[in-house]
Amino acid sequence: MWACAFTSSKTAPVHGTAPHFPGRAEVRGAYFIIITPVKKIKSLIIASYGLQPKHVTLETLAVLKKCEIVFSHCLDKGGKDLLARSCARFEPLRGLSLAETAAKVKKAFSAHDTVGFITYGNPFFLNATTALINKEMAAAGIAVTVLPAVSSFDSIVNLLDLNKFSLAGLRLVDTAAAMEQMKFTPAMDTLFFVVGDLNLKGNEKYRAAFLKGLEENYPAKHPVTIINCPTIENDLGRLLKTTVSKFKTAFPKADLVSTILVPAVK
């Protein structure tokens, strides 16, 4: 890309890296053009289909059309068929590690200026993949634009009719990050996201501490709801309602995309 400037100055020093002006020169008594190269800005667009491809916004579709290549770590060939008309080129990255995914996106900029990446939910809401990609892009000097989308939080608000919260507010907890120092706030409505991480091998002591904390801070008959929002992989979703005293039995049913709601004690 080249930028042009026009002048009619009788004496004007010229500096340029274009072939017309290899060094310093003077042009007298005539119009002349200075042509200098302008470096293209490389840009990553992080978009999302929400929780299901039907949640894709018109904004997202319009922006994807402008990307030279679009990657996704959560859509395969089925997703490609759905979004193909909005992508000049689509490449699925399912099955790659976080580091491999970030490296693949970064490498694409050696051949392209505008690259897209499709994820799920709201792109920066508890998403380890986009967090790493964003960090890698910042280190490489690549601009990042993030488009909003439907998240699990948005879905939960509607599923449970959370039109009003407790007077002390609503608390959102990243269970995976907080499990080693878990705190309970009975005065607040609390959503524990990615709670299924407590059921992973190696987290047994944190799981036991979590269950004990619930029993110590809430009445036995206090309600607890395990939530699986409708997603691309589970169109119906799931709501499992139980109580603190029975939660220990129900908890093994919580998976990696489960959230639990523990309302405030009134």
Protein backbone atom coordinates (compact mmCIF):
# COMPACT_ATOMS: atom_id res chain seq x y z
CA MET A 1 0.00 0.00 0.00
CA TRP A 2 1.32 3.46 -0.91
CA ALA A 3 0.50 6.96 0.39
CA CYS A 4 0.76 10.05 -1.86
CA ALA A 5 1.33 13.72 -1.01
CA PHE A 6 1.17 16.65 -3.45
CA THR A 7 2.96 20.02 -3.15
CA SER A 8 3.87 23.03 -5.31
CA SER A 9 6.66 24.42 -3.13
CA LYS A 10 9.52 25.89 -5.18
CA THR A 11 12.07 24.27 -2.93
CA ALA A 12 11.15 21.22 -0.95
CA PRO A 13 13.31 18.50 0.56
CA VAL A 14 12.08 15.04 -0.28
CA HIS A 15 12.50 12.01 1.95
CA GLY A 16 11.19 8.67 0.80
CA THR A 17 11.77 4.99 0.60
CA ALA A 18 9.84 4.51 -2.67
CA PRO A 19 11.92 3.73 -5.76
CA HIS A 20 11.23 7.27 -7.11
CA PHE A 21 13.03 8.80 -4.13
CA PRO A 22 15.80 6.48 -3.00
CA GLY A 23 17.34 9.11 -0.68
CA ARG A 24 17.18 12.89 -0.20
CA ALA A 25 16.38 15.08 -3.19
CA GLU A 26 15.12 18.56 -4.13
CA VAL A 27 12.41 19.45 -6.61
CA ARG A 28 12.21 23.08 -7.76
CA GLY A 29 9.43 25.05 -9.38
CA ALA A 30 7.01 22.23 -10.15
CA TYR A 31 4.39 20.00 -8.65
CA PHE A 32 5.68 16.67 -7.49
CA ILE A 33 4.39 13.58 -5.78
CA ILE A 34 5.94 11.92 -2.75
CA ILE A 35 5.11 8.22 -2.56
CA THR A 36 5.86 6.35 0.64
CA PRO A 37 4.91 2.80 1.63
CA VAL A 38 2.31 2.38 4.38
CA LYS A 39 2.50 -0.77 6.45
CA LYS A 40 -0.78 -2.67 6.66
CA ILE A 41 -2.19 -3.22 10.14
CA LYS A 42 -2.58 -6.88 10.98
CA SER A 43 -5.79 -7.62 12.86
CA LEU A 44 -7.39 -10.59 14.59
CA ILE A 45 -11.18 -10.70 14.90
CA ILE A 46 -12.36 -12.86 17.81
CA ALA A 47 -16.01 -13.75 17.26
CA SER A 48 -18.44 -16.33 18.61
CA TYR A 49 -21.57 -18.24 17.64
CA GLY A 50 -22.84 -17.85 21.23
CA LEU A 51 -23.96 -21.15 22.73
CA GLN A 52 -25.45 -22.41 19.48
CA PRO A 53 -24.78 -21.43 15.83
CA LYS A 54 -28.28 -19.95 15.60
CA HIS A 55 -27.13 -17.29 18.08
CA VAL A 56 -24.69 -15.79 15.55
CA THR A 57 -25.31 -12.04 15.19
CA LEU A 58 -25.55 -10.05 11.97
CA GLU A 59 -22.49 -8.09 13.09
CA THR A 60 -20.47 -11.28 13.42
CA LEU A 61 -21.55 -12.56 9.99
CA ALA A 62 -20.62 -9.25 8.37
CA VAL A 63 -17.18 -9.14 9.97
CA LEU A 64 -16.39 -12.79 9.15
CA LYS A 65 -16.90 -12.02 5.47
CA LYS A 66 -13.98 -9.57 5.64
CA CYS A 67 -11.54 -12.10 7.14
CA GLU A 68 -9.08 -13.76 4.77
CA ILE A 69 -9.13 -16.93 6.86
CA VAL A 70 -11.22 -17.99 9.87
CA PHE A 71 -10.26 -20.58 12.48
CA SER A 72 -12.35 -22.25 15.18
CA HIS A 73 -11.46 -24.55 18.06
CA CYS A 74 -15.08 -25.59 18.62
CA LEU A 75 -16.60 -26.00 15.15
CA ASP A 76 -15.84 -28.89 12.86
CA LYS A 77 -17.05 -29.66 9.33
CA GLY A 78 -20.67 -29.33 10.42
CA GLY A 79 -19.96 -25.84 11.64
CA LYS A 80 -18.08 -25.10 8.45
CA ASP A 81 -21.14 -25.92 6.37
CA LEU A 82 -23.25 -23.55 8.44
CA LEU A 83 -20.84 -20.60 8.32
CA ALA A 84 -19.08 -21.26 5.01
CA ARG A 85 -20.90 -18.52 3.11
CA SER A 86 -19.63 -15.99 5.65
CA CYS A 87 -15.99 -17.10 5.53
CA ALA A 88 -13.63 -16.75 2.60
CA ARG A 89 -11.75 -19.71 4.04
CA PHE A 90 -12.51 -21.79 7.14
CA GLU A 91 -10.17 -24.12 9.02
CA PRO A 92 -11.27 -26.12 12.11
CA LEU A 93 -8.76 -26.55 14.95
CA ARG A 94 -10.65 -29.00 17.14
CA GLY A 95 -8.41 -31.40 19.02
CA LEU A 96 -5.42 -29.07 19.27
CA SER A 97 -4.00 -27.96 22.62
CA LEU A 98 -4.29 -24.35 23.78
CA ALA A 99 -0.70 -23.64 22.78
CA GLU A 100 -1.10 -25.33 19.38
CA THR A 101 -4.28 -23.35 18.68
CA ALA A 102 -2.65 -20.02 19.56
CA ALA A 103 0.42 -20.90 17.47
CA LYS A 104 -1.75 -21.78 14.46
CA VAL A 105 -3.58 -18.44 14.62
CA LYS A 106 -0.33 -16.50 15.04
CA LYS A 107 1.32 -18.27 12.11
CA ALA A 108 -1.56 -17.29 9.80
CA PHE A 109 -0.40 -13.68 9.92
CA SER A 110 2.68 -14.58 7.90
CA ALA A 111 0.35 -14.83 4.89
CA HIS A 112 -2.72 -12.79 5.91
CA ASP A 113 -3.53 -9.37 7.35
CA THR A 114 -7.05 -10.04 8.69
CA VAL A 115 -7.70 -13.31 10.49
CA GLY A 116 -10.84 -14.50 12.29
CA PHE A 117 -11.24 -16.85 15.23
CA ILE A 118 -14.62 -18.33 16.21
CA THR A 119 -15.19 -19.48 19.78
CA TYR A 120 -18.27 -20.12 21.93
CA GLY A 121 -20.10 -18.04 24.54
CA ASN A 122 -18.98 -14.47 25.13
CA PRO A 123 -15.36 -14.67 23.85
CA PHE A 124 -13.58 -13.40 26.98
CA PHE A 125 -15.90 -14.92 29.60
CA LEU A 126 -13.98 -17.74 31.32
CA ASN A 127 -12.32 -18.81 28.07
CA ALA A 128 -8.73 -20.05 28.43
CA THR A 129 -8.22 -20.34 24.66
CA THR A 130 -9.08 -16.74 23.80
CA ALA A 131 -7.14 -15.50 26.84
CA LEU A 132 -3.97 -17.18 25.55
CA ILE A 133 -4.55 -16.05 21.96
CA ASN A 134 -5.08 -12.45 23.11
CA LYS A 135 -1.81 -12.59 25.08
CA GLU A 136 0.09 -13.98 22.08
CA MET A 137 -1.35 -11.33 19.75
CA ALA A 138 -0.37 -8.52 22.13
CA ALA A 139 3.20 -9.83 22.25
CA ALA A 140 3.30 -9.96 18.43
CA GLY A 141 1.87 -6.45 18.01
CA ILE A 142 -1.29 -7.68 16.30
CA ALA A 143 -4.49 -5.70 16.90
CA VAL A 144 -7.41 -7.64 18.39
CA THR A 145 -11.11 -6.86 18.00
CA VAL A 146 -13.61 -8.83 20.10
CA LEU A 147 -17.27 -9.09 19.13
CA PRO A 148 -19.92 -9.65 21.84
CA ALA A 149 -22.03 -12.79 21.88
CA VAL A 150 -24.47 -14.79 24.01
CA SER A 151 -22.76 -16.36 27.04
CA SER A 152 -23.81 -19.01 29.53
CA PHE A 153 -24.54 -16.20 31.98
CA ASP A 154 -27.06 -14.66 29.57
CA SER A 155 -28.73 -18.03 29.13
CA ILE A 156 -28.86 -18.71 32.88
CA VAL A 157 -30.54 -15.37 33.58
CA ASN A 158 -33.41 -16.41 31.31
CA LEU A 159 -33.54 -20.07 32.33
CA LEU A 160 -33.89 -19.21 36.02
CA ASP A 161 -35.74 -15.91 35.64
CA LEU A 162 -33.02 -13.96 37.45
CA ASN A 163 -34.75 -10.67 36.81
CA LYS A 164 -33.87 -9.48 40.31
CA PHE A 165 -30.94 -10.39 42.51
CA SER A 166 -30.57 -10.44 46.28
CA LEU A 167 -30.14 -7.05 47.95
CA ALA A 168 -26.44 -7.81 48.45
CA GLY A 169 -26.06 -8.58 44.75
CA LEU A 170 -25.09 -11.48 42.52
CA ARG A 171 -21.65 -13.10 42.83
CA LEU A 172 -19.97 -14.94 39.94
CA VAL A 173 -17.28 -17.47 40.87
CA ASP A 174 -14.68 -19.10 38.61
CA THR A 175 -14.62 -22.40 40.49
CA ALA A 176 -11.49 -23.68 38.76
CA ALA A 177 -9.51 -20.60 39.80
CA ALA A 178 -10.98 -20.28 43.30
CA MET A 179 -11.16 -23.90 44.47
CA GLU A 180 -8.01 -23.72 46.59
CA GLN A 181 -9.34 -20.76 48.58
CA MET A 182 -13.09 -21.05 48.16
CA LYS A 183 -15.23 -18.50 49.95
CA PHE A 184 -18.98 -18.61 50.51
CA THR A 185 -21.27 -15.57 50.75
CA PRO A 186 -24.74 -16.64 51.99
CA ALA A 187 -26.03 -13.07 51.80
CA MET A 188 -25.54 -13.03 48.01
CA ASP A 189 -26.98 -15.04 45.15
CA THR A 190 -24.00 -17.03 43.85
CA LEU A 191 -23.27 -18.68 40.51
CA PHE A 192 -20.37 -21.15 40.58
CA PHE A 193 -19.15 -21.56 36.99
CA VAL A 194 -17.17 -24.56 35.64
CA VAL A 195 -18.03 -26.33 38.90
CA GLY A 196 -17.44 -29.71 37.26
CA ASP A 197 -13.69 -29.12 37.59
CA LEU A 198 -14.10 -30.22 41.20
CA ASN A 199 -15.01 -33.69 39.92
CA LEU A 200 -11.74 -34.07 38.01
CA LYS A 201 -9.12 -36.52 39.21
CA GLY A 202 -6.69 -34.82 41.57
CA ASN A 203 -9.22 -32.33 42.92
CA GLU A 204 -10.77 -34.65 45.52
CA LYS A 205 -9.73 -32.58 48.54
CA TYR A 206 -11.07 -29.38 46.99
CA ARG A 207 -14.31 -31.13 46.14
CA ALA A 208 -14.68 -32.30 49.74
CA ALA A 209 -13.91 -28.80 51.03
CA PHE A 210 -16.52 -27.31 48.68
CA LEU A 211 -19.25 -29.70 49.82
CA LYS A 212 -18.34 -29.11 53.46
CA GLY A 213 -18.41 -25.34 52.90
CA LEU A 214 -21.92 -25.49 51.48
CA GLU A 215 -23.15 -27.50 54.46
CA GLU A 216 -21.51 -25.12 56.95
CA ASN A 217 -22.82 -21.92 55.35
CA TYR A 218 -26.33 -22.82 54.18
CA PRO A 219 -29.37 -24.53 55.76
CA ALA A 220 -29.89 -28.20 54.90
CA LYS A 221 -33.08 -27.50 52.95
CA HIS A 222 -31.63 -24.52 51.07
CA PRO A 223 -32.10 -24.88 47.27
CA VAL A 224 -29.24 -25.59 44.87
CA THR A 225 -29.63 -25.84 41.09
CA ILE A 226 -27.20 -27.55 38.70
CA ILE A 227 -27.43 -25.87 35.30
CA ASN A 228 -26.35 -27.04 31.86
CA CYS A 229 -27.34 -24.42 29.32
CA PRO A 230 -28.58 -25.51 25.88
CA THR A 231 -25.50 -25.62 23.64
CA ILE A 232 -24.30 -26.84 20.26
CA GLU A 233 -23.64 -30.25 21.81
CA ASN A 234 -26.76 -30.40 24.03
CA ASP A 235 -29.72 -28.69 22.43
CA LEU A 236 -32.06 -29.23 25.37
CA GLY A 237 -29.76 -28.42 28.29
CA ARG A 238 -30.58 -29.46 31.84
CA LEU A 239 -31.79 -28.05 35.16
CA LEU A 240 -31.31 -30.31 38.17
CA LYS A 241 -32.90 -28.90 41.33
CA THR A 242 -31.81 -30.23 44.70
CA THR A 243 -30.97 -29.03 48.23
CA VAL A 244 -27.79 -28.56 50.24
CA SER A 245 -28.39 -31.80 52.18
CA LYS A 246 -28.88 -33.80 48.97
CA PHE A 247 -26.31 -31.99 46.86
CA LYS A 248 -23.51 -34.44 47.67
CA THR A 249 -25.47 -37.17 45.89
CA ALA A 250 -26.35 -35.00 42.89
CA PHE A 251 -22.94 -33.36 42.48
CA PRO A 252 -21.30 -36.19 40.48
CA LYS A 253 -23.72 -35.29 37.67
CA ALA A 254 -22.05 -31.89 37.30
CA ASP A 255 -19.74 -31.84 34.27
CA LEU A 256 -17.19 -29.39 32.86
CA VAL A 257 -19.85 -27.05 31.46
CA SER A 258 -22.11 -27.11 34.52
CA THR A 259 -22.87 -24.08 36.67
CA ILE A 260 -24.62 -24.15 40.03
CA LEU A 261 -26.83 -21.48 41.54
CA VAL A 262 -26.99 -21.10 45.29
CA PRO A 263 -29.44 -18.29 46.09
CA ALA A 264 -29.00 -16.00 49.04
CA VAL A 265 -30.25 -17.08 52.45
CA LYS A 266 -33.26 -14.92 53.31
